[in-house]
PDB file of N, CA and C in Angstrom:
ATOM      1  N   MET A   1     -11.070   3.464  34.775  1.00  0.00           N
ATOM      2  CA  MET A   1     -11.197   3.575  33.336  1.00  0.00           C
ATOM      3  C   MET A   1     -12.669   3.542  32.977  1.00  0.00           C
ATOM      4  N   SER A   2     -13.042   4.404  32.118  1.00  0.00           N
ATOM      5  CA  SER A   2     -14.438   4.485  31.700  1.00  0.00           C
ATOM      6  C   SER A   2     -14.845   3.360  30.769  1.00  0.00           C
ATOM      7  N   SER A   3     -16.112   2.885  31.040  1.00  0.00           N
ATOM      8  CA  SER A   3     -16.613   1.791  30.203  1.00  0.00           C
ATOM      9  C   SER A   3     -17.081   2.282  28.806  1.00  0.00           C
ATOM     10  N   THR A   4     -16.999   3.627  28.564  1.00  0.00           N
ATOM     11  CA  THR A   4     -17.419   4.150  27.289  1.00  0.00           C
ATOM     12  C   THR A   4     -16.328   4.192  26.314  1.00  0.00           C
ATOM     13  N   ILE A   5     -15.116   3.849  26.683  1.00  0.00           N
ATOM     14  CA  ILE A   5     -13.989   3.896  25.761  1.00  0.00           C
ATOM     15  C   ILE A   5     -14.163   2.684  24.740  1.00  0.00           C
ATOM     16  N   SER A   6     -14.181   3.050  23.515  1.00  0.00           N
ATOM     17  CA  SER A   6     -14.304   2.007  22.489  1.00  0.00           C
ATOM     18  C   SER A   6     -12.911   1.498  22.080  1.00  0.00           C
ATOM     19  N   ARG A   7     -12.867   0.300  21.721  1.00  0.00           N
ATOM     20  CA  ARG A   7     -11.645  -0.292  21.243  1.00  0.00           C
ATOM     21  C   ARG A   7     -11.939  -0.960  19.922  1.00  0.00           C
ATOM     22  N   LYS A   8     -10.880  -0.970  19.050  1.00  0.00           N
ATOM     23  CA  LYS A   8     -11.007  -1.602  17.818  1.00  0.00           C
ATOM     24  C   LYS A   8     -11.029  -3.106  18.009  1.00  0.00           C
ATOM     25  N   PRO A   9     -11.805  -3.858  17.185  1.00  0.00           N
ATOM     26  CA  PRO A   9     -11.730  -5.267  17.263  1.00  0.00           C
ATOM     27  C   PRO A   9     -10.292  -5.758  17.031  1.00  0.00           C
ATOM     28  N   ALA A  10      -9.924  -6.853  17.686  1.00  0.00           N
ATOM     29  CA  ALA A  10      -8.520  -7.346  17.577  1.00  0.00           C
ATOM     30  C   ALA A  10      -8.130  -7.581  16.117  1.00  0.00           C
ATOM     31  N   ASN A  11      -9.040  -7.987  15.252  1.00  0.00           N
ATOM     32  CA  ASN A  11      -8.617  -8.282  13.921  1.00  0.00           C
ATOM     33  C   ASN A  11      -8.364  -7.026  13.052  1.00  0.00           C
ATOM     34  N   ASP A  12      -8.622  -5.831  13.609  1.00  0.00           N
ATOM     35  CA  ASP A  12      -8.278  -4.594  12.899  1.00  0.00           C
ATOM     36  C   ASP A  12      -6.785  -4.196  13.079  1.00  0.00           C
ATOM     37  N   TYR A  13      -6.160  -4.829  14.025  1.00  0.00           N
ATOM     38  CA  TYR A  13      -4.768  -4.503  14.313  1.00  0.00           C
ATOM     39  C   TYR A  13      -3.831  -5.271  13.404  1.00  0.00           C
ATOM     40  N   LEU A  14      -2.702  -4.666  13.189  1.00  0.00           N
ATOM     41  CA  LEU A  14      -1.664  -5.292  12.330  1.00  0.00           C
ATOM     42  C   LEU A  14      -0.482  -5.655  13.205  1.00  0.00           C
ATOM     43  N   THR A  15       0.167  -6.768  12.895  1.00  0.00           N
ATOM     44  CA  THR A  15       1.390  -7.074  13.602  1.00  0.00           C
ATOM     45  C   THR A  15       2.497  -6.179  13.058  1.00  0.00           C
ATOM     46  N   ALA A  16       3.592  -6.120  13.739  1.00  0.00           N
ATOM     47  CA  ALA A  16       4.711  -5.287  13.310  1.00  0.00           C
ATOM     48  C   ALA A  16       5.208  -5.752  11.897  1.00  0.00           C
ATOM     49  N   GLY A  17       5.225  -7.007  11.718  1.00  0.00           N
ATOM     50  CA  GLY A  17       5.641  -7.595  10.432  1.00  0.00           C
ATOM     51  C   GLY A  17       4.711  -7.199   9.306  1.00  0.00           C
ATOM     52  N   GLN A  18       3.373  -7.308   9.583  1.00  0.00           N
ATOM     53  CA  GLN A  18       2.435  -6.912   8.561  1.00  0.00           C
ATOM     54  C   GLN A  18       2.466  -5.419   8.194  1.00  0.00           C
ATOM     55  N   LEU A  19       2.694  -4.646   9.255  1.00  0.00           N
ATOM     56  CA  LEU A  19       2.826  -3.152   9.031  1.00  0.00           C
ATOM     57  C   LEU A  19       4.036  -2.863   8.189  1.00  0.00           C
ATOM     58  N   CYS A  20       5.126  -3.508   8.494  1.00  0.00           N
ATOM     59  CA  CYS A  20       6.391  -3.305   7.685  1.00  0.00           C
ATOM     60  C   CYS A  20       6.201  -3.721   6.239  1.00  0.00           C
ATOM     61  N   GLU A  21       5.525  -4.874   6.039  1.00  0.00           N
ATOM     62  CA  GLU A  21       5.256  -5.313   4.684  1.00  0.00           C
ATOM     63  C   GLU A  21       4.417  -4.313   3.932  1.00  0.00           C
ATOM     64  N   LEU A  22       3.329  -3.910   4.523  1.00  0.00           N
ATOM     65  CA  LEU A  22       2.437  -2.887   3.907  1.00  0.00           C
ATOM     66  C   LEU A  22       3.166  -1.621   3.595  1.00  0.00           C
ATOM     67  N   ASP A  23       3.958  -1.141   4.593  1.00  0.00           N
ATOM     68  CA  ASP A  23       4.654   0.094   4.416  1.00  0.00           C
ATOM     69  C   ASP A  23       5.683   0.056   3.334  1.00  0.00           C
ATOM     70  N   ASP A  24       6.388  -1.035   3.258  1.00  0.00           N
ATOM     71  CA  ASP A  24       7.415  -1.160   2.184  1.00  0.00           C
ATOM     72  C   ASP A  24       6.757  -1.222   0.835  1.00  0.00           C
ATOM     73  N   LEU A  25       5.658  -1.969   0.727  1.00  0.00           N
ATOM     74  CA  LEU A  25       4.974  -2.066  -0.593  1.00  0.00           C
ATOM     75  C   LEU A  25       4.410  -0.734  -1.051  1.00  0.00           C
ATOM     76  N   VAL A  26       3.712  -0.084  -0.134  1.00  0.00           N
ATOM     77  CA  VAL A  26       3.115   1.170  -0.476  1.00  0.00           C
ATOM     78  C   VAL A  26       4.178   2.245  -0.757  1.00  0.00           C
ATOM     79  N   THR A  27       5.188   2.279  -0.004  1.00  0.00           N
ATOM     80  CA  THR A  27       6.274   3.218  -0.260  1.00  0.00           C
ATOM     81  C   THR A  27       6.888   2.943  -1.667  1.00  0.00           C
ATOM     82  N   MET A  28       7.084   1.705  -1.980  1.00  0.00           N
ATOM     83  CA  MET A  28       7.603   1.336  -3.355  1.00  0.00           C
ATOM     84  C   MET A  28       6.677   1.923  -4.393  1.00  0.00           C
ATOM     85  N   MET A  29       5.342   1.660  -4.257  1.00  0.00           N
ATOM     86  CA  MET A  29       4.465   2.043  -5.346  1.00  0.00           C
ATOM     87  C   MET A  29       4.288   3.544  -5.434  1.00  0.00           C
ATOM     88  N   VAL A  30       4.191   4.236  -4.349  1.00  0.00           N
ATOM     89  CA  VAL A  30       3.838   5.644  -4.301  1.00  0.00           C
ATOM     90  C   VAL A  30       5.087   6.529  -4.224  1.00  0.00           C
ATOM     91  N   ILE A  31       5.833   6.421  -3.186  1.00  0.00           N
ATOM     92  CA  ILE A  31       6.970   7.330  -2.932  1.00  0.00           C
ATOM     93  C   ILE A  31       8.151   7.068  -3.899  1.00  0.00           C
ATOM     94  N   ASP A  32       8.591   5.774  -3.925  1.00  0.00           N
ATOM     95  CA  ASP A  32       9.716   5.492  -4.760  1.00  0.00           C
ATOM     96  C   ASP A  32       9.491   5.735  -6.259  1.00  0.00           C
ATOM     97  N   SER A  33       8.327   5.393  -6.721  1.00  0.00           N
ATOM     98  CA  SER A  33       8.053   5.636  -8.129  1.00  0.00           C
ATOM     99  C   SER A  33       7.994   7.114  -8.447  1.00  0.00           C
ATOM    100  N   TYR A  34       7.444   7.859  -7.534  1.00  0.00           N
ATOM    101  CA  TYR A  34       7.316   9.331  -7.754  1.00  0.00           C
ATOM    102  C   TYR A  34       8.678  10.014  -7.730  1.00  0.00           C
ATOM    103  N   LEU A  35       9.529   9.609  -6.694  1.00  0.00           N
ATOM    104  CA  LEU A  35      10.845  10.217  -6.547  1.00  0.00           C
ATOM    105  C   LEU A  35      11.833   9.681  -7.604  1.00  0.00           C
ATOM    106  N   GLY A  36      11.610   8.476  -8.078  1.00  0.00           N
ATOM    107  CA  GLY A  36      12.545   7.878  -9.042  1.00  0.00           C
ATOM    108  C   GLY A  36      13.723   7.161  -8.404  1.00  0.00           C
ATOM    109  N   PHE A  37      13.657   6.860  -7.133  1.00  0.00           N
ATOM    110  CA  PHE A  37      14.719   6.056  -6.493  1.00  0.00           C
ATOM    111  C   PHE A  37      14.193   5.311  -5.341  1.00  0.00           C
ATOM    112  N   GLN A  38      14.885   4.245  -4.886  1.00  0.00           N
ATOM    113  CA  GLN A  38      14.361   3.404  -3.790  1.00  0.00           C
ATOM    114  C   GLN A  38      14.708   4.059  -2.494  1.00  0.00           C
ATOM    115  N   THR A  39      13.718   4.233  -1.677  1.00  0.00           N
ATOM    116  CA  THR A  39      13.867   4.751  -0.342  1.00  0.00           C
ATOM    117  C   THR A  39      14.165   3.590   0.639  1.00  0.00           C
ATOM    118  N   HIS A  40      14.473   3.948   1.883  1.00  0.00           N
ATOM    119  CA  HIS A  40      14.714   2.893   2.914  1.00  0.00           C
ATOM    120  C   HIS A  40      13.474   2.046   3.119  1.00  0.00           C
ATOM    121  N   LYS A  41      13.700   0.814   3.318  1.00  0.00           N
ATOM    122  CA  LYS A  41      12.679  -0.214   3.611  1.00  0.00           C
ATOM    123  C   LYS A  41      12.912  -0.844   4.945  1.00  0.00           C
ATOM    124  N   MET A  42      11.829  -1.228   5.636  1.00  0.00           N
ATOM    125  CA  MET A  42      11.995  -1.924   6.898  1.00  0.00           C
ATOM    126  C   MET A  42      12.557  -3.332   6.785  1.00  0.00           C
ATOM    127  N   ASN A  43      12.117  -3.992   5.738  1.00  0.00           N
ATOM    128  CA  ASN A  43      12.584  -5.334   5.459  1.00  0.00           C
ATOM    129  C   ASN A  43      13.913  -5.263   4.690  1.00  0.00           C
ATOM    130  N   ILE A  44      15.049  -5.752   5.291  1.00  0.00           N
ATOM    131  CA  ILE A  44      16.307  -5.598   4.648  1.00  0.00           C
ATOM    132  C   ILE A  44      16.346  -6.516   3.331  1.00  0.00           C
ATOM    133  N   ASN A  45      15.489  -7.484   3.251  1.00  0.00           N
ATOM    134  CA  ASN A  45      15.468  -8.373   2.066  1.00  0.00           C
ATOM    135  C   ASN A  45      14.426  -7.940   1.056  1.00  0.00           C
ATOM    136  N   PHE A  46      13.851  -6.710   1.201  1.00  0.00           N
ATOM    137  CA  PHE A  46      12.853  -6.246   0.287  1.00  0.00           C
ATOM    138  C   PHE A  46      13.314  -6.244  -1.148  1.00  0.00           C
ATOM    139  N   ARG A  47      12.517  -6.753  -2.059  1.00  0.00           N
ATOM    140  CA  ARG A  47      12.863  -6.755  -3.497  1.00  0.00           C
ATOM    141  C   ARG A  47      11.813  -5.909  -4.194  1.00  0.00           C
ATOM    142  N   PRO A  48      12.201  -4.741  -4.706  1.00  0.00           N
ATOM    143  CA  PRO A  48      11.197  -3.882  -5.392  1.00  0.00           C
ATOM    144  C   PRO A  48      10.758  -4.402  -6.722  1.00  0.00           C
ATOM    145  N   VAL A  49       9.584  -4.009  -7.067  1.00  0.00           N
ATOM    146  CA  VAL A  49       9.056  -4.302  -8.425  1.00  0.00           C
ATOM    147  C   VAL A  49       9.216  -2.975  -9.206  1.00  0.00           C
ATOM    148  N   ARG A  50      10.154  -2.978 -10.095  1.00  0.00           N
ATOM    149  CA  ARG A  50      10.500  -1.761 -10.811  1.00  0.00           C
ATOM    150  C   ARG A  50       9.791  -1.620 -12.168  1.00  0.00           C
ATOM    151  N   ARG A  51       9.253  -2.670 -12.711  1.00  0.00           N
ATOM    152  CA  ARG A  51       8.679  -2.611 -14.016  1.00  0.00           C
ATOM    153  C   ARG A  51       7.428  -1.706 -14.159  1.00  0.00           C
ATOM    154  N   TYR A  52       6.771  -1.397 -13.002  1.00  0.00           N
ATOM    155  CA  TYR A  52       5.599  -0.577 -13.036  1.00  0.00           C
ATOM    156  C   TYR A  52       5.866   0.845 -12.572  1.00  0.00           C
ATOM    157  N   ALA A  53       7.105   1.169 -12.247  1.00  0.00           N
ATOM    158  CA  ALA A  53       7.453   2.441 -11.630  1.00  0.00           C
ATOM    159  C   ALA A  53       7.031   3.598 -12.434  1.00  0.00           C
ATOM    160  N   SER A  54       7.267   3.618 -13.689  1.00  0.00           N
ATOM    161  CA  SER A  54       6.868   4.797 -14.560  1.00  0.00           C
ATOM    162  C   SER A  54       5.354   4.925 -14.651  1.00  0.00           C
ATOM    163  N   LYS A  55       4.681   3.768 -14.740  1.00  0.00           N
ATOM    164  CA  LYS A  55       3.191   3.774 -14.732  1.00  0.00           C
ATOM    165  C   LYS A  55       2.650   4.321 -13.394  1.00  0.00           C
ATOM    166  N   TRP A  56       3.211   3.835 -12.321  1.00  0.00           N
ATOM    167  CA  TRP A  56       2.801   4.277 -11.029  1.00  0.00           C
ATOM    168  C   TRP A  56       3.000   5.800 -10.830  1.00  0.00           C
ATOM    169  N   LYS A  57       4.118   6.252 -11.320  1.00  0.00           N
ATOM    170  CA  LYS A  57       4.442   7.747 -11.223  1.00  0.00           C
ATOM    171  C   LYS A  57       3.397   8.555 -11.925  1.00  0.00           C
ATOM    172  N   LYS A  58       2.963   8.113 -13.131  1.00  0.00           N
ATOM    173  CA  LYS A  58       1.956   8.859 -13.891  1.00  0.00           C
ATOM    174  C   LYS A  58       0.627   8.820 -13.139  1.00  0.00           C
ATOM    175  N   ILE A  59       0.306   7.673 -12.519  1.00  0.00           N
ATOM    176  CA  ILE A  59      -0.920   7.584 -11.730  1.00  0.00           C
ATOM    177  C   ILE A  59      -0.926   8.546 -10.523  1.00  0.00           C
ATOM    178  N   ILE A  60       0.217   8.647  -9.861  1.00  0.00           N
ATOM    179  CA  ILE A  60       0.329   9.607  -8.748  1.00  0.00           C
ATOM    180  C   ILE A  60       0.234  10.963  -9.227  1.00  0.00           C
ATOM    181  N   GLU A  61       0.821  11.284 -10.318  1.00  0.00           N
ATOM    182  CA  GLU A  61       0.735  12.668 -10.835  1.00  0.00           C
ATOM    183  C   GLU A  61      -0.736  12.958 -11.248  1.00  0.00           C
ATOM    184  N   LYS A  62      -1.435  12.045 -11.813  1.00  0.00           N
ATOM    185  CA  LYS A  62      -2.865  12.214 -12.108  1.00  0.00           C
ATOM    186  C   LYS A  62      -3.625  12.480 -10.809  1.00  0.00           C
ATOM    187  N   PHE A  63      -3.324  11.665  -9.734  1.00  0.00           N
ATOM    188  CA  PHE A  63      -3.985  11.818  -8.470  1.00  0.00           C
ATOM    189  C   PHE A  63      -3.802  13.177  -7.943  1.00  0.00           C
ATOM    190  N   GLU A  64      -2.648  13.798  -8.138  1.00  0.00           N
ATOM    191  CA  GLU A  64      -2.365  15.146  -7.626  1.00  0.00           C
ATOM    192  C   GLU A  64      -3.377  16.147  -8.198  1.00  0.00           C
ATOM    193  N   GLN A  65      -3.820  15.861  -9.433  1.00  0.00           N
ATOM    194  CA  GLN A  65      -4.735  16.757 -10.103  1.00  0.00           C
ATOM    195  C   GLN A  65      -6.194  16.575  -9.653  1.00  0.00           C
ATOM    196  N   ASN A  66      -6.608  15.243  -9.598  1.00  0.00           N
ATOM    197  CA  ASN A  66      -8.035  14.993  -9.424  1.00  0.00           C
ATOM    198  C   ASN A  66      -8.390  14.525  -7.977  1.00  0.00           C
ATOM    199  N   LYS A  67      -7.436  14.095  -7.184  1.00  0.00           N
ATOM    200  CA  LYS A  67      -7.633  13.684  -5.802  1.00  0.00           C
ATOM    201  C   LYS A  67      -8.730  12.607  -5.657  1.00  0.00           C
ATOM    202  N   ASP A  68      -8.784  11.706  -6.662  1.00  0.00           N
ATOM    203  CA  ASP A  68      -9.770  10.617  -6.667  1.00  0.00           C
ATOM    204  C   ASP A  68      -9.062   9.392  -6.109  1.00  0.00           C
ATOM    205  N   TYR A  69      -9.272   9.074  -4.831  1.00  0.00           N
ATOM    206  CA  TYR A  69      -8.590   7.988  -4.213  1.00  0.00           C
ATOM    207  C   TYR A  69      -8.929   6.658  -4.761  1.00  0.00           C
ATOM    208  N   GLU A  70     -10.197   6.371  -5.002  1.00  0.00           N
ATOM    209  CA  GLU A  70     -10.635   5.048  -5.522  1.00  0.00           C
ATOM    210  C   GLU A  70     -10.043   4.819  -6.901  1.00  0.00           C
ATOM    211  N   ASN A  71     -10.102   5.803  -7.777  1.00  0.00           N
ATOM    212  CA  ASN A  71      -9.558   5.650  -9.130  1.00  0.00           C
ATOM    213  C   ASN A  71      -8.061   5.440  -9.094  1.00  0.00           C
ATOM    214  N   CYS A  72      -7.411   6.193  -8.213  1.00  0.00           N
ATOM    215  CA  CYS A  72      -5.948   6.059  -8.062  1.00  0.00           C
ATOM    216  C   CYS A  72      -5.654   4.610  -7.602  1.00  0.00           C
ATOM    217  N   PHE A  73      -6.358   4.116  -6.582  1.00  0.00           N
ATOM    218  CA  PHE A  73      -6.042   2.775  -6.114  1.00  0.00           C
ATOM    219  C   PHE A  73      -6.297   1.727  -7.196  1.00  0.00           C
ATOM    220  N   ASN A  74      -7.418   1.897  -7.952  1.00  0.00           N
ATOM    221  CA  ASN A  74      -7.667   0.927  -9.017  1.00  0.00           C
ATOM    222  C   ASN A  74      -6.650   0.949 -10.064  1.00  0.00           C
ATOM    223  N   ASP A  75      -6.155   2.171 -10.384  1.00  0.00           N
ATOM    224  CA  ASP A  75      -5.087   2.258 -11.365  1.00  0.00           C
ATOM    225  C   ASP A  75      -3.737   1.650 -10.938  1.00  0.00           C
ATOM    226  N   LEU A  76      -3.430   1.911  -9.602  1.00  0.00           N
ATOM    227  CA  LEU A  76      -2.176   1.438  -9.146  1.00  0.00           C
ATOM    228  C   LEU A  76      -2.176  -0.079  -9.050  1.00  0.00           C
ATOM    229  N   THR A  77      -3.305  -0.651  -8.798  1.00  0.00           N
ATOM    230  CA  THR A  77      -3.385  -2.152  -8.642  1.00  0.00           C
ATOM    231  C   THR A  77      -3.809  -2.870  -9.876  1.00  0.00           C
ATOM    232  N   ALA A  78      -3.942  -2.177 -10.993  1.00  0.00           N
ATOM    233  CA  ALA A  78      -4.410  -2.860 -12.236  1.00  0.00           C
ATOM    234  C   ALA A  78      -3.189  -3.451 -12.960  1.00  0.00           C
ATOM    235  N   ASN A  79      -2.573  -4.499 -12.357  1.00  0.00           N
ATOM    236  CA  ASN A  79      -1.391  -5.081 -12.984  1.00  0.00           C
ATOM    237  C   ASN A  79      -1.245  -6.489 -12.419  1.00  0.00           C
ATOM    238  N   GLU A  80      -0.445  -7.260 -13.135  1.00  0.00           N
ATOM    239  CA  GLU A  80      -0.185  -8.662 -12.760  1.00  0.00           C
ATOM    240  C   GLU A  80       0.438  -8.811 -11.379  1.00  0.00           C
ATOM    241  N   TRP A  81       1.345  -7.900 -11.015  1.00  0.00           N
ATOM    242  CA  TRP A  81       2.008  -7.993  -9.726  1.00  0.00           C
ATOM    243  C   TRP A  81       1.006  -7.963  -8.612  1.00  0.00           C
ATOM    244  N   TYR A  82       0.056  -7.042  -8.635  1.00  0.00           N
ATOM    245  CA  TYR A  82      -0.948  -6.899  -7.572  1.00  0.00           C
ATOM    246  C   TYR A  82      -1.841  -8.143  -7.556  1.00  0.00           C
ATOM    247  N   GLU A  83      -2.211  -8.620  -8.712  1.00  0.00           N
ATOM    248  CA  GLU A  83      -3.130  -9.816  -8.743  1.00  0.00           C
ATOM    249  C   GLU A  83      -2.410 -11.017  -8.120  1.00  0.00           C
ATOM    250  N   ASN A  84      -1.123 -11.163  -8.328  1.00  0.00           N
ATOM    251  CA  ASN A  84      -0.326 -12.247  -7.689  1.00  0.00           C
ATOM    252  C   ASN A  84      -0.221 -11.952  -6.177  1.00  0.00           C
ATOM    253  N   TYR A  85      -0.051 -10.756  -5.825  1.00  0.00           N
ATOM    254  CA  TYR A  85       0.134 -10.388  -4.422  1.00  0.00           C
ATOM    255  C   TYR A  85      -1.178 -10.712  -3.640  1.00  0.00           C
ATOM    256  N   ILE A  86      -2.379 -10.348  -4.079  1.00  0.00           N
ATOM    257  CA  ILE A  86      -3.542 -10.591  -3.369  1.00  0.00           C
ATOM    258  C   ILE A  86      -4.032 -12.033  -3.399  1.00  0.00           C
ATOM    259  N   ASN A  87      -3.532 -12.878  -4.321  1.00  0.00           N
ATOM    260  CA  ASN A  87      -3.895 -14.220  -4.322  1.00  0.00           C
ATOM    261  C   ASN A  87      -3.528 -14.953  -3.050  1.00  0.00           C
ATOM    262  N   ALA A  88      -2.473 -14.490  -2.408  1.00  0.00           N
ATOM    263  CA  ALA A  88      -2.028 -15.169  -1.181  1.00  0.00           C
ATOM    264  C   ALA A  88      -2.495 -14.446   0.121  1.00  0.00           C
ATOM    265  N   LYS A  89      -3.454 -13.468  -0.037  1.00  0.00           N
ATOM    266  CA  LYS A  89      -3.923 -12.690   1.096  1.00  0.00           C
ATOM    267  C   LYS A  89      -5.344 -12.931   1.354  1.00  0.00           C
ATOM    268  N   ASN A  90      -5.764 -12.763   2.645  1.00  0.00           N
ATOM    269  CA  ASN A  90      -7.169 -12.857   2.970  1.00  0.00           C
ATOM    270  C   ASN A  90      -7.817 -11.443   2.861  1.00  0.00           C
ATOM    271  N   GLN A  91      -9.104 -11.399   3.049  1.00  0.00           N
ATOM    272  CA  GLN A  91      -9.841 -10.161   2.835  1.00  0.00           C
ATOM    273  C   GLN A  91      -9.364  -9.029   3.749  1.00  0.00           C
ATOM    274  N   HIS A  92      -9.097  -9.338   4.925  1.00  0.00           N
ATOM    275  CA  HIS A  92      -8.581  -8.338   5.938  1.00  0.00           C
ATOM    276  C   HIS A  92      -7.281  -7.758   5.473  1.00  0.00           C
ATOM    277  N   GLN A  93      -6.397  -8.619   4.975  1.00  0.00           N
ATOM    278  CA  GLN A  93      -5.101  -8.160   4.505  1.00  0.00           C
ATOM    279  C   GLN A  93      -5.203  -7.288   3.221  1.00  0.00           C
ATOM    280  N   ILE A  94      -6.153  -7.634   2.414  1.00  0.00           N
ATOM    281  CA  ILE A  94      -6.348  -6.808   1.193  1.00  0.00           C
ATOM    282  C   ILE A  94      -6.891  -5.443   1.560  1.00  0.00           C
ATOM    283  N   GLU A  95      -7.852  -5.451   2.501  1.00  0.00           N
ATOM    284  CA  GLU A  95      -8.411  -4.098   2.974  1.00  0.00           C
ATOM    285  C   GLU A  95      -7.378  -3.333   3.687  1.00  0.00           C
ATOM    286  N   SER A  96      -6.500  -3.944   4.395  1.00  0.00           N
ATOM    287  CA  SER A  96      -5.367  -3.217   5.131  1.00  0.00           C
ATOM    288  C   SER A  96      -4.439  -2.563   4.095  1.00  0.00           C
ATOM    289  N   PHE A  97      -4.188  -3.362   3.037  1.00  0.00           N
ATOM    290  CA  PHE A  97      -3.280  -2.746   1.936  1.00  0.00           C
ATOM    291  C   PHE A  97      -3.958  -1.533   1.362  1.00  0.00           C
ATOM    292  N   LYS A  98      -5.251  -1.631   1.017  1.00  0.00           N
ATOM    293  CA  LYS A  98      -5.933  -0.438   0.438  1.00  0.00           C
ATOM    294  C   LYS A  98      -5.968   0.717   1.358  1.00  0.00           C
ATOM    295  N   SER A  99      -6.247   0.466   2.628  1.00  0.00           N
ATOM    296  CA  SER A  99      -6.288   1.466   3.642  1.00  0.00           C
ATOM    297  C   SER A  99      -4.878   2.172   3.795  1.00  0.00           C
ATOM    298  N   HIS A 100      -3.842   1.381   3.751  1.00  0.00           N
ATOM    299  CA  HIS A 100      -2.477   1.910   3.883  1.00  0.00           C
ATOM    300  C   HIS A 100      -2.119   2.760   2.692  1.00  0.00           C
ATOM    301  N   ILE A 101      -2.586   2.413   1.456  1.00  0.00           N
ATOM    302  CA  ILE A 101      -2.310   3.275   0.328  1.00  0.00           C
ATOM    303  C   ILE A 101      -2.944   4.632   0.518  1.00  0.00           C
ATOM    304  N   PHE A 102      -4.177   4.647   1.052  1.00  0.00           N
ATOM    305  CA  PHE A 102      -4.939   5.878   1.235  1.00  0.00           C
ATOM    306  C   PHE A 102      -4.323   6.776   2.258  1.00  0.00           C
ATOM    307  N   LYS A 103      -3.497   6.216   3.167  1.00  0.00           N
ATOM    308  CA  LYS A 103      -2.818   7.045   4.152  1.00  0.00           C
ATOM    309  C   LYS A 103      -1.623   7.778   3.545  1.00  0.00           C
TER     310      LYS A 103
END
């Protein structure tokens, strides 16, 4: 094996549970709000936040026009639910959430 192969630092990786959580949340915010119904989630106990769905849908529709990722992320997360969510997360988890939305 070549010594020139680079590897990500261990703290850049997500556990399966963390990936499932991020995927379920982002799918709720982006896909479900846009489609208007709840899609399959990895966590069988997932509880969606529905009160922002119409707002999130408008934000995604705006994004389709302007393709401004940062503005879209800021708009999607400008609510009490996100503030409560990040209070229990460290910086790496917050950055992982943002990165997952961009995907």
